[in-house]
N, C-alpha and C. Protein backbone atom coordinates (compact mmCIF):
# COMPACT_ATOMS: atom_id res chain seq x y z
N MET A 1 0.83 -1.17 0.00
CA MET A 1 0.00 0.00 0.00
C MET A 1 0.89 1.25 0.00
N MET A 2 0.62 2.16 -0.90
CA MET A 2 1.43 3.36 -1.04
C MET A 2 0.80 4.51 -0.27
N THR A 3 1.66 5.31 0.35
CA THR A 3 1.17 6.49 1.04
C THR A 3 1.05 7.63 0.05
N LYS A 4 0.45 8.73 0.48
CA LYS A 4 0.29 9.88 -0.41
C LYS A 4 1.63 10.45 -0.85
N SER A 5 2.63 10.47 0.05
CA SER A 5 3.94 11.02 -0.34
C SER A 5 4.62 10.12 -1.36
N GLN A 6 4.42 8.80 -1.24
CA GLN A 6 4.99 7.89 -2.23
C GLN A 6 4.30 8.07 -3.57
N ASP A 7 2.98 8.29 -3.55
CA ASP A 7 2.24 8.54 -4.79
C ASP A 7 2.75 9.82 -5.46
N PHE A 8 2.93 10.84 -4.65
CA PHE A 8 3.40 12.12 -5.18
C PHE A 8 4.81 11.96 -5.77
N THR A 9 5.70 11.23 -5.07
CA THR A 9 7.06 11.01 -5.55
C THR A 9 7.04 10.27 -6.88
N LYS A 10 6.21 9.24 -6.97
CA LYS A 10 6.09 8.47 -8.22
C LYS A 10 5.56 9.37 -9.32
N TYR A 11 4.54 10.16 -9.00
CA TYR A 11 3.96 11.07 -9.98
C TYR A 11 5.01 12.04 -10.50
N MET A 12 5.78 12.66 -9.58
CA MET A 12 6.81 13.63 -9.98
C MET A 12 7.91 12.95 -10.80
N THR A 13 8.32 11.77 -10.38
CA THR A 13 9.36 11.04 -11.12
C THR A 13 8.89 10.72 -12.53
N ASP A 14 7.65 10.25 -12.65
CA ASP A 14 7.10 9.95 -13.97
C ASP A 14 6.99 11.20 -14.83
N MET A 15 6.55 12.30 -14.20
CA MET A 15 6.39 13.55 -14.95
C MET A 15 7.76 14.06 -15.43
N MET A 16 8.75 14.06 -14.55
CA MET A 16 10.08 14.57 -14.93
C MET A 16 10.72 13.68 -15.99
N GLY A 17 10.39 12.40 -15.97
CA GLY A 17 10.91 11.49 -16.98
C GLY A 17 10.40 11.81 -18.37
N GLN A 18 9.29 12.53 -18.46
CA GLN A 18 8.72 12.89 -19.75
C GLN A 18 9.44 14.07 -20.41
N PHE A 19 10.21 14.81 -19.61
CA PHE A 19 10.93 15.97 -20.14
C PHE A 19 12.33 15.55 -20.56
N PRO A 20 12.68 15.81 -21.80
CA PRO A 20 14.05 15.48 -22.20
C PRO A 20 15.03 16.47 -21.56
N VAL A 21 16.11 15.95 -21.02
CA VAL A 21 17.12 16.79 -20.39
C VAL A 21 18.40 16.69 -21.19
N ASP A 22 18.87 17.82 -21.65
CA ASP A 22 20.10 17.85 -22.43
C ASP A 22 21.13 18.65 -21.64
N THR A 23 22.16 17.97 -21.19
CA THR A 23 23.19 18.65 -20.39
C THR A 23 24.29 19.25 -21.25
N SER A 24 24.18 19.13 -22.56
CA SER A 24 25.24 19.67 -23.42
C SER A 24 25.34 21.19 -23.30
N ALA A 25 24.23 21.87 -23.06
CA ALA A 25 24.28 23.33 -22.90
C ALA A 25 25.11 23.70 -21.68
N MET A 26 24.90 22.96 -20.58
CA MET A 26 25.70 23.23 -19.37
C MET A 26 27.17 22.90 -19.59
N THR A 27 27.42 21.81 -20.31
CA THR A 27 28.80 21.42 -20.61
C THR A 27 29.48 22.51 -21.43
N GLU A 28 28.78 23.01 -22.44
CA GLU A 28 29.34 24.07 -23.28
C GLU A 28 29.56 25.35 -22.48
N ALA A 29 28.63 25.68 -21.60
CA ALA A 29 28.79 26.87 -20.76
C ALA A 29 30.02 26.73 -19.87
N PHE A 30 30.20 25.54 -19.31
CA PHE A 30 31.37 25.30 -18.46
C PHE A 30 32.66 25.43 -19.27
N LYS A 31 32.68 24.85 -20.46
CA LYS A 31 33.88 24.94 -21.31
C LYS A 31 34.18 26.39 -21.68
N THR A 32 33.12 27.14 -21.99
CA THR A 32 33.30 28.55 -22.34
C THR A 32 33.87 29.33 -21.16
N GLN A 33 33.34 29.08 -19.97
CA GLN A 33 33.83 29.76 -18.76
C GLN A 33 35.27 29.38 -18.46
N ALA A 34 35.60 28.10 -18.62
CA ALA A 34 36.97 27.65 -18.37
C ALA A 34 37.94 28.29 -19.36
N ALA A 35 37.54 28.39 -20.62
CA ALA A 35 38.40 29.02 -21.63
C ALA A 35 38.59 30.50 -21.32
N PHE A 36 37.52 31.16 -20.86
CA PHE A 36 37.61 32.56 -20.47
C PHE A 36 38.60 32.72 -19.31
N GLY A 37 38.49 31.85 -18.32
CA GLY A 37 39.41 31.90 -17.17
C GLY A 37 40.85 31.69 -17.59
N GLU A 38 41.07 30.79 -18.51
CA GLU A 38 42.43 30.53 -19.00
C GLU A 38 43.00 31.77 -19.70
N ARG A 39 42.20 32.38 -20.56
CA ARG A 39 42.68 33.56 -21.28
C ARG A 39 42.92 34.73 -20.33
N MET A 40 42.04 34.90 -19.34
CA MET A 40 42.23 35.98 -18.36
C MET A 40 43.49 35.73 -17.53
N SER A 41 43.72 34.48 -17.16
CA SER A 41 44.93 34.14 -16.40
C SER A 41 46.20 34.45 -17.19
N LYS A 42 46.17 34.18 -18.49
CA LYS A 42 47.34 34.49 -19.32
C LYS A 42 47.62 35.99 -19.33
N ILE A 43 46.57 36.79 -19.40
CA ILE A 43 46.74 38.25 -19.38
C ILE A 43 47.36 38.68 -18.05
N VAL A 44 46.80 38.19 -16.95
CA VAL A 44 47.26 38.59 -15.62
C VAL A 44 48.70 38.10 -15.37
N LEU A 45 48.98 36.86 -15.70
CA LEU A 45 50.33 36.33 -15.47
C LEU A 45 51.37 37.02 -16.35
N GLY A 46 50.99 37.35 -17.57
CA GLY A 46 51.90 38.09 -18.45
C GLY A 46 52.23 39.46 -17.88
N ALA A 47 51.22 40.14 -17.36
CA ALA A 47 51.43 41.46 -16.75
C ALA A 47 52.29 41.35 -15.50
N ALA A 48 52.06 40.31 -14.69
CA ALA A 48 52.86 40.13 -13.48
C ALA A 48 54.32 39.87 -13.84
N GLU A 49 54.55 39.08 -14.87
CA GLU A 49 55.92 38.80 -15.30
C GLU A 49 56.61 40.07 -15.80
N GLN A 50 55.92 40.84 -16.61
CA GLN A 50 56.49 42.09 -17.11
C GLN A 50 56.78 43.05 -15.95
N SER A 51 55.87 43.15 -15.01
CA SER A 51 56.06 44.03 -13.86
C SER A 51 57.26 43.60 -13.03
N ALA A 52 57.43 42.30 -12.85
CA ALA A 52 58.58 41.80 -12.10
C ALA A 52 59.89 42.13 -12.82
N GLU A 53 59.89 42.02 -14.14
CA GLU A 53 61.08 42.35 -14.92
C GLU A 53 61.41 43.84 -14.80
N ILE A 54 60.40 44.69 -14.85
CA ILE A 54 60.62 46.13 -14.71
C ILE A 54 61.21 46.43 -13.32
N GLY A 55 60.60 45.84 -12.29
CA GLY A 55 61.09 46.06 -10.93
C GLY A 55 62.52 45.58 -10.74
N HIS A 56 62.85 44.44 -11.33
CA HIS A 56 64.21 43.91 -11.23
C HIS A 56 65.21 44.84 -11.93
N LYS A 57 64.85 45.29 -13.11
CA LYS A 57 65.71 46.21 -13.88
C LYS A 57 65.91 47.51 -13.10
N TRP A 58 64.84 48.04 -12.53
CA TRP A 58 64.89 49.28 -11.78
C TRP A 58 65.83 49.13 -10.58
N THR A 59 65.74 48.02 -9.87
CA THR A 59 66.61 47.78 -8.72
C THR A 59 68.07 47.72 -9.15
N ARG A 60 68.36 46.98 -10.22
CA ARG A 60 69.74 46.89 -10.72
C ARG A 60 70.29 48.25 -11.09
N GLU A 61 69.48 49.06 -11.80
CA GLU A 61 69.93 50.39 -12.20
C GLU A 61 70.20 51.27 -10.98
N THR A 62 69.32 51.20 -10.01
CA THR A 62 69.49 52.02 -8.80
C THR A 62 70.76 51.62 -8.06
N LEU A 63 70.97 50.33 -7.89
CA LEU A 63 72.17 49.87 -7.18
C LEU A 63 73.45 50.25 -7.92
N SER A 64 73.42 50.17 -9.24
CA SER A 64 74.62 50.51 -10.00
C SER A 64 74.97 52.00 -9.89
N LYS A 65 73.96 52.84 -9.70
CA LYS A 65 74.19 54.29 -9.58
C LYS A 65 74.61 54.69 -8.16
N MET A 66 74.51 53.76 -7.21
CA MET A 66 74.91 54.08 -5.84
C MET A 66 76.43 53.97 -5.64
N GLY A 67 77.09 53.26 -6.51
CA GLY A 67 78.54 53.06 -6.38
C GLY A 67 79.33 54.35 -6.21
N PRO A 68 79.13 55.32 -7.12
CA PRO A 68 79.91 56.56 -6.98
C PRO A 68 79.67 57.30 -5.66
N MET A 69 78.51 57.14 -5.04
CA MET A 69 78.26 57.80 -3.76
C MET A 69 79.08 57.18 -2.64
N ALA A 70 79.40 55.91 -2.76
CA ALA A 70 80.11 55.20 -1.70
C ALA A 70 81.63 55.37 -1.79
N GLU A 71 82.12 55.91 -2.90
CA GLU A 71 83.57 56.07 -3.08
C GLU A 71 84.11 57.21 -2.20
N LEU A 72 85.37 57.05 -1.81
CA LEU A 72 86.06 58.07 -1.01
C LEU A 72 86.26 59.33 -1.86
N LYS A 73 85.97 60.47 -1.27
CA LYS A 73 86.10 61.75 -1.97
C LYS A 73 87.16 62.59 -1.26
N GLU A 74 87.92 63.36 -2.04
CA GLU A 74 88.95 64.24 -1.48
C GLU A 74 88.32 65.51 -0.91
N ASP A 75 87.39 66.04 -1.67
CA ASP A 75 86.77 67.32 -1.29
C ASP A 75 85.34 67.05 -0.77
N PRO A 76 84.96 67.60 0.36
CA PRO A 76 83.61 67.40 0.89
C PRO A 76 82.50 67.80 -0.09
N SER A 77 82.76 68.76 -0.94
CA SER A 77 81.73 69.17 -1.91
C SER A 77 81.48 68.08 -2.95
N ASP A 78 82.45 67.16 -3.13
CA ASP A 78 82.26 66.05 -4.08
C ASP A 78 81.16 65.09 -3.60
N TYR A 79 81.00 65.01 -2.27
CA TYR A 79 79.92 64.16 -1.73
C TYR A 79 78.56 64.75 -2.12
N ALA A 80 78.45 66.05 -2.01
CA ALA A 80 77.19 66.72 -2.38
C ALA A 80 76.90 66.53 -3.86
N LYS A 81 77.97 66.63 -4.69
CA LYS A 81 77.80 66.44 -6.13
C LYS A 81 77.37 65.00 -6.42
N ALA A 82 77.98 64.02 -5.74
CA ALA A 82 77.62 62.60 -5.94
C ALA A 82 76.15 62.37 -5.57
N MET A 83 75.74 62.99 -4.46
CA MET A 83 74.34 62.84 -4.04
C MET A 83 73.40 63.48 -5.06
N THR A 84 73.76 64.65 -5.56
CA THR A 84 72.93 65.33 -6.55
C THR A 84 72.85 64.51 -7.83
N ASP A 85 73.99 63.97 -8.27
CA ASP A 85 74.02 63.14 -9.48
C ASP A 85 73.14 61.90 -9.29
N PHE A 86 73.23 61.28 -8.11
CA PHE A 86 72.43 60.09 -7.82
C PHE A 86 70.94 60.44 -7.83
N ALA A 87 70.57 61.53 -7.20
CA ALA A 87 69.16 61.95 -7.14
C ALA A 87 68.63 62.23 -8.55
N SER A 88 69.43 62.88 -9.36
CA SER A 88 69.03 63.19 -10.73
C SER A 88 68.85 61.91 -11.56
N ALA A 89 69.84 61.02 -11.44
CA ALA A 89 69.76 59.75 -12.18
C ALA A 89 68.58 58.91 -11.69
N SER A 90 68.34 58.91 -10.38
CA SER A 90 67.22 58.15 -9.82
C SER A 90 65.88 58.67 -10.32
N ALA A 91 65.77 59.98 -10.41
CA ALA A 91 64.51 60.56 -10.92
C ALA A 91 64.28 60.17 -12.37
N GLU A 92 65.34 60.17 -13.15
CA GLU A 92 65.23 59.78 -14.57
C GLU A 92 64.84 58.31 -14.70
N VAL A 93 65.50 57.45 -13.93
CA VAL A 93 65.19 56.02 -13.96
C VAL A 93 63.76 55.78 -13.48
N ALA A 94 63.33 56.51 -12.46
CA ALA A 94 61.96 56.36 -11.95
C ALA A 94 60.95 56.72 -13.03
N ALA A 95 61.19 57.81 -13.73
CA ALA A 95 60.26 58.23 -14.78
C ALA A 95 60.17 57.17 -15.88
N GLU A 96 61.32 56.63 -16.28
CA GLU A 96 61.33 55.59 -17.32
C GLU A 96 60.56 54.35 -16.87
N ASN A 97 60.81 53.94 -15.64
CA ASN A 97 60.17 52.72 -15.16
C ASN A 97 58.68 52.91 -14.90
N MET A 98 58.29 54.07 -14.44
CA MET A 98 56.86 54.33 -14.24
C MET A 98 56.14 54.33 -15.59
N ALA A 99 56.80 54.84 -16.63
CA ALA A 99 56.21 54.79 -17.97
C ALA A 99 56.08 53.34 -18.44
N ALA A 100 57.07 52.51 -18.12
CA ALA A 100 57.01 51.09 -18.49
C ALA A 100 55.85 50.40 -17.76
N TYR A 101 55.67 50.70 -16.47
CA TYR A 101 54.53 50.14 -15.72
C TYR A 101 53.21 50.60 -16.34
N ALA A 102 53.15 51.85 -16.75
CA ALA A 102 51.92 52.38 -17.36
C ALA A 102 51.60 51.65 -18.67
N GLU A 103 52.62 51.32 -19.44
CA GLU A 103 52.42 50.58 -20.69
C GLU A 103 51.87 49.18 -20.41
N VAL A 104 52.39 48.54 -19.37
CA VAL A 104 51.89 47.21 -18.98
C VAL A 104 50.42 47.32 -18.60
N ALA A 105 50.08 48.31 -17.79
CA ALA A 105 48.69 48.50 -17.35
C ALA A 105 47.77 48.78 -18.54
N LYS A 106 48.24 49.60 -19.47
CA LYS A 106 47.44 49.92 -20.65
C LYS A 106 47.18 48.67 -21.49
N LYS A 107 48.20 47.84 -21.65
CA LYS A 107 48.04 46.60 -22.42
C LYS A 107 47.07 45.65 -21.73
N VAL A 108 47.18 45.54 -20.41
CA VAL A 108 46.25 44.68 -19.66
C VAL A 108 44.81 45.17 -19.85
N GLN A 109 44.63 46.48 -19.77
CA GLN A 109 43.29 47.04 -19.94
C GLN A 109 42.74 46.73 -21.34
N MET A 110 43.55 46.94 -22.36
CA MET A 110 43.09 46.70 -23.73
C MET A 110 42.79 45.22 -23.95
N ASP A 111 43.69 44.34 -23.46
CA ASP A 111 43.47 42.90 -23.62
C ASP A 111 42.23 42.43 -22.86
N THR A 112 41.99 43.01 -21.68
CA THR A 112 40.83 42.62 -20.88
C THR A 112 39.53 43.06 -21.56
N VAL A 113 39.51 44.26 -22.08
CA VAL A 113 38.31 44.74 -22.77
C VAL A 113 38.04 43.86 -23.99
N GLU A 114 39.08 43.56 -24.74
CA GLU A 114 38.94 42.70 -25.92
C GLU A 114 38.40 41.32 -25.53
N LEU A 115 38.94 40.76 -24.46
CA LEU A 115 38.50 39.45 -23.97
C LEU A 115 37.05 39.50 -23.51
N MET A 116 36.66 40.55 -22.78
CA MET A 116 35.29 40.66 -22.30
C MET A 116 34.30 40.78 -23.47
N MET A 117 34.68 41.53 -24.49
CA MET A 117 33.80 41.66 -25.65
C MET A 117 33.65 40.32 -26.36
N ALA A 118 34.75 39.59 -26.51
CA ALA A 118 34.69 38.28 -27.15
C ALA A 118 33.86 37.31 -26.31
N ALA A 119 34.04 37.36 -24.99
CA ALA A 119 33.28 36.47 -24.10
C ALA A 119 31.78 36.79 -24.17
N GLY A 120 31.45 38.06 -24.23
CA GLY A 120 30.04 38.45 -24.35
C GLY A 120 29.43 37.95 -25.64
N LYS A 121 30.18 38.05 -26.71
CA LYS A 121 29.70 37.57 -28.00
C LYS A 121 29.51 36.05 -27.97
N GLU A 122 30.48 35.33 -27.38
CA GLU A 122 30.38 33.87 -27.28
C GLU A 122 29.18 33.47 -26.41
N ALA A 123 28.98 34.16 -25.32
CA ALA A 123 27.86 33.85 -24.44
C ALA A 123 26.53 34.07 -25.15
N GLN A 124 26.45 35.14 -25.92
CA GLN A 124 25.23 35.43 -26.67
C GLN A 124 24.98 34.34 -27.71
N GLU A 125 26.04 33.93 -28.40
CA GLU A 125 25.90 32.86 -29.40
C GLU A 125 25.48 31.55 -28.74
N ASP A 126 26.08 31.23 -27.59
CA ASP A 126 25.72 30.00 -26.86
C ASP A 126 24.26 30.05 -26.43
N ALA A 127 23.83 31.19 -25.91
CA ALA A 127 22.44 31.33 -25.45
C ALA A 127 21.47 31.20 -26.61
N THR A 128 21.80 31.81 -27.73
CA THR A 128 20.93 31.72 -28.92
C THR A 128 20.82 30.28 -29.39
N ALA A 129 21.95 29.58 -29.43
CA ALA A 129 21.93 28.18 -29.86
C ALA A 129 21.11 27.32 -28.89
N ALA A 130 21.26 27.57 -27.59
CA ALA A 130 20.51 26.80 -26.59
C ALA A 130 19.01 27.04 -26.72
N VAL A 131 18.60 28.29 -26.94
CA VAL A 131 17.19 28.61 -27.07
C VAL A 131 16.62 27.96 -28.34
N LYS A 132 17.37 28.03 -29.43
CA LYS A 132 16.90 27.40 -30.67
C LYS A 132 16.72 25.90 -30.49
N LYS A 133 17.69 25.28 -29.83
CA LYS A 133 17.63 23.83 -29.61
C LYS A 133 16.46 23.48 -28.70
N ALA A 134 16.27 24.23 -27.62
CA ALA A 134 15.17 23.97 -26.70
C ALA A 134 13.82 24.16 -27.40
N THR A 135 13.70 25.18 -28.23
CA THR A 135 12.46 25.43 -28.96
C THR A 135 12.17 24.28 -29.91
N SER A 136 13.20 23.83 -30.59
CA SER A 136 13.04 22.71 -31.52
C SER A 136 12.62 21.45 -30.79
N GLU A 137 13.27 21.18 -29.64
CA GLU A 137 12.93 19.98 -28.87
C GLU A 137 11.52 20.07 -28.29
N ALA A 138 11.13 21.25 -27.86
CA ALA A 138 9.77 21.42 -27.32
C ALA A 138 8.74 21.22 -28.41
N ALA A 139 9.01 21.74 -29.61
CA ALA A 139 8.08 21.57 -30.72
C ALA A 139 7.96 20.10 -31.09
N THR A 140 9.08 19.39 -31.10
CA THR A 140 9.07 17.96 -31.41
C THR A 140 8.29 17.19 -30.35
N ALA A 141 8.53 17.52 -29.08
CA ALA A 141 7.82 16.84 -27.99
C ALA A 141 6.33 17.12 -28.06
N THR A 142 5.94 18.31 -28.42
CA THR A 142 4.53 18.68 -28.53
C THR A 142 3.86 17.88 -29.65
N LYS A 143 4.56 17.72 -30.76
CA LYS A 143 4.01 16.96 -31.88
C LYS A 143 3.82 15.49 -31.51
N LYS A 144 4.72 14.96 -30.68
CA LYS A 144 4.66 13.55 -30.29
C LYS A 144 3.66 13.30 -29.17
N ALA A 145 3.26 14.34 -28.47
CA ALA A 145 2.34 14.18 -27.34
C ALA A 145 0.98 13.72 -27.84
N PRO A 146 0.33 12.82 -27.09
CA PRO A 146 -1.00 12.37 -27.50
C PRO A 146 -2.02 13.51 -27.39
N ALA A 147 -2.98 13.47 -28.22
CA ALA A 147 -4.03 14.50 -28.20
C ALA A 147 -4.86 14.34 -26.94
N PRO A 148 -5.31 15.45 -26.36
CA PRO A 148 -6.13 15.36 -25.14
C PRO A 148 -7.45 14.64 -25.43
N ALA A 149 -7.87 13.91 -24.46
CA ALA A 149 -9.14 13.18 -24.58
C ALA A 149 -10.30 14.15 -24.47
N LYS A 150 -11.34 13.90 -25.26
CA LYS A 150 -12.51 14.78 -25.26
C LYS A 150 -13.63 14.18 -24.48
């Protein structure tokens, strides 16, 4: 003897069995998202690598320009000149490296916008294909359904 909840469960199971379920749309959405993540990661990792190279170069340049300041000077005014030369060279190196960082940031921005536009287009195409497929399957299922009893 079945209880009402068992009857309802059987009814729902039978009803859901009548609906075709296609998981390919979800699979495609997952693949699209994973590909987007991979491309975004490449952009971010490339920028991080370039930034690390700029920082390394900047450090090497700064250290190389410190040598003359550490050398023994005969005249006390030579120390002031060495400090002034170092400050001037450091400002120049800073400007160059900040411009290099700005170029990296600009490239990341352009690549990200391009990627987002491509991802939006792909998502729209995927959604359109899924809707067309679902409409087609619903129309086919409707045609196969028995006519209502009169």
